[in-house]
């Protein structure tokens, strides 16, 4: 399965060395993981996810067919919303869902 480590690292504005330092690896190891020359194990997923403040699954490239909602793939903005939403606490997520329900109802 393809990974999105390089993309996520760049979104955070990190260099290979900065990510490597965060996970206790060399920049060459990170480069090999990004280019899929080295297997991305669960341990690596966990370490990198902590450094990039994301869920380990966010580092894997999903099958586009599985991402479709009502026949369309999510936009870049929708993907960013999901990434931010996942960083919220449970209470913040519930508050955001209440807010969105109110906003959606108000627009109908």
Protein backbone atom coordinates (compact mmCIF):
# COMPACT_ATOMS: atom_id res chain seq x y z
CA UNK A 1 0.00 0.00 0.00
CA UNK A 2 1.32 3.44 -0.90
CA UNK A 3 2.03 5.95 1.82
CA UNK A 4 1.60 9.70 2.21
CA UNK A 5 4.50 10.33 4.59
CA UNK A 6 6.28 12.80 2.30
CA UNK A 7 3.07 14.67 1.58
CA UNK A 8 2.16 14.94 5.26
CA UNK A 9 5.70 15.94 6.21
CA UNK A 10 5.67 18.72 3.61
CA UNK A 11 2.22 19.90 4.73
CA UNK A 12 3.72 20.40 8.19
CA UNK A 13 6.68 22.23 6.64
CA UNK A 14 9.20 19.71 7.96
CA UNK A 15 12.46 18.68 6.34
CA UNK A 16 13.50 15.04 6.15
CA UNK A 17 15.99 15.77 8.93
CA UNK A 18 13.41 17.42 11.17
CA UNK A 19 11.06 14.44 10.89
CA UNK A 20 13.95 12.03 11.35
CA UNK A 21 15.00 13.85 14.53
CA UNK A 22 11.41 13.70 15.81
CA UNK A 23 11.17 9.93 15.39
CA UNK A 24 14.75 9.04 16.31
CA UNK A 25 15.82 7.98 12.84
CA UNK A 26 18.16 9.15 10.10
CA UNK A 27 16.97 11.27 7.21
CA UNK A 28 17.99 8.38 4.93
CA UNK A 29 15.63 6.02 6.79
CA UNK A 30 12.76 8.50 6.41
CA UNK A 31 13.59 8.95 2.73
CA UNK A 32 13.51 5.18 2.18
CA UNK A 33 10.15 4.95 3.97
CA UNK A 34 8.70 7.81 1.92
CA UNK A 35 9.89 6.28 -1.35
CA UNK A 36 8.68 2.82 -0.25
CA UNK A 37 12.17 1.33 -0.48
CA UNK A 38 11.69 0.22 3.10
CA UNK A 39 8.53 -1.29 4.58
CA UNK A 40 6.33 1.02 6.63
CA UNK A 41 5.62 -1.17 9.67
CA UNK A 42 3.05 -0.49 12.35
CA UNK A 43 5.87 0.73 14.59
CA UNK A 44 7.01 3.22 11.96
CA UNK A 45 3.42 4.35 11.33
CA UNK A 46 2.95 5.00 15.05
CA UNK A 47 6.23 6.88 15.45
CA UNK A 48 5.67 9.06 12.40
CA UNK A 49 2.01 9.69 13.25
CA UNK A 50 3.01 11.02 16.68
CA UNK A 51 5.58 13.33 15.09
CA UNK A 52 3.06 14.58 12.51
CA UNK A 53 0.18 14.79 15.00
CA UNK A 54 -2.10 12.59 12.93
CA UNK A 55 -3.68 9.16 12.96
CA UNK A 56 -1.45 6.38 11.56
CA UNK A 57 -4.09 5.65 8.90
CA UNK A 58 -3.63 9.21 7.61
CA UNK A 59 -0.16 8.17 6.46
CA UNK A 60 -1.53 5.52 4.11
CA UNK A 61 -2.93 6.27 0.69
CA UNK A 62 -6.51 5.11 0.66
CA UNK A 63 -8.30 3.52 -2.24
CA UNK A 64 -10.12 6.44 -3.95
CA UNK A 65 -13.22 4.28 -4.46
CA UNK A 66 -13.55 3.91 -0.68
CA UNK A 67 -13.40 7.68 -0.15
CA UNK A 68 -16.37 8.51 -2.35
CA UNK A 69 -19.48 9.95 -0.74
CA UNK A 70 -22.57 10.20 -2.94
CA UNK A 71 -20.38 9.21 -5.89
CA UNK A 72 -17.79 11.97 -5.50
CA UNK A 73 -14.33 12.02 -3.96
CA UNK A 74 -13.57 14.49 -1.15
CA UNK A 75 -12.00 17.81 -2.09
CA UNK A 76 -8.74 19.06 -0.63
CA UNK A 77 -10.72 21.29 1.73
CA UNK A 78 -12.81 18.35 2.94
CA UNK A 79 -9.68 16.30 3.58
CA UNK A 80 -8.19 19.20 5.59
CA UNK A 81 -11.39 19.46 7.64
CA UNK A 82 -11.13 15.78 8.53
CA UNK A 83 -7.48 16.15 9.53
CA UNK A 84 -8.30 19.09 11.81
CA UNK A 85 -11.39 17.37 13.21
CA UNK A 86 -9.34 14.35 14.25
CA UNK A 87 -7.08 16.57 16.34
CA UNK A 88 -10.03 17.76 18.46
CA UNK A 89 -10.82 16.20 21.81
CA UNK A 90 -14.03 14.15 22.06
CA UNK A 91 -15.78 17.15 23.61
CA UNK A 92 -14.60 19.46 20.83
CA UNK A 93 -15.75 16.99 18.18
CA UNK A 94 -19.21 16.81 19.75
CA UNK A 95 -19.40 20.61 19.91
CA UNK A 96 -18.35 20.88 16.28
CA UNK A 97 -20.98 18.34 15.21
CA UNK A 98 -23.69 20.29 17.11
CA UNK A 99 -22.53 23.49 15.41
CA UNK A 100 -22.59 21.87 11.97
CA UNK A 101 -26.08 20.48 12.56
CA UNK A 102 -27.33 23.95 13.47
CA UNK A 103 -25.61 25.51 10.44
CA UNK A 104 -26.96 22.85 8.09
CA UNK A 105 -30.50 23.23 9.41
CA UNK A 106 -30.31 27.03 9.14
CA UNK A 107 -29.36 26.76 5.44
CA UNK A 108 -32.26 24.48 4.50
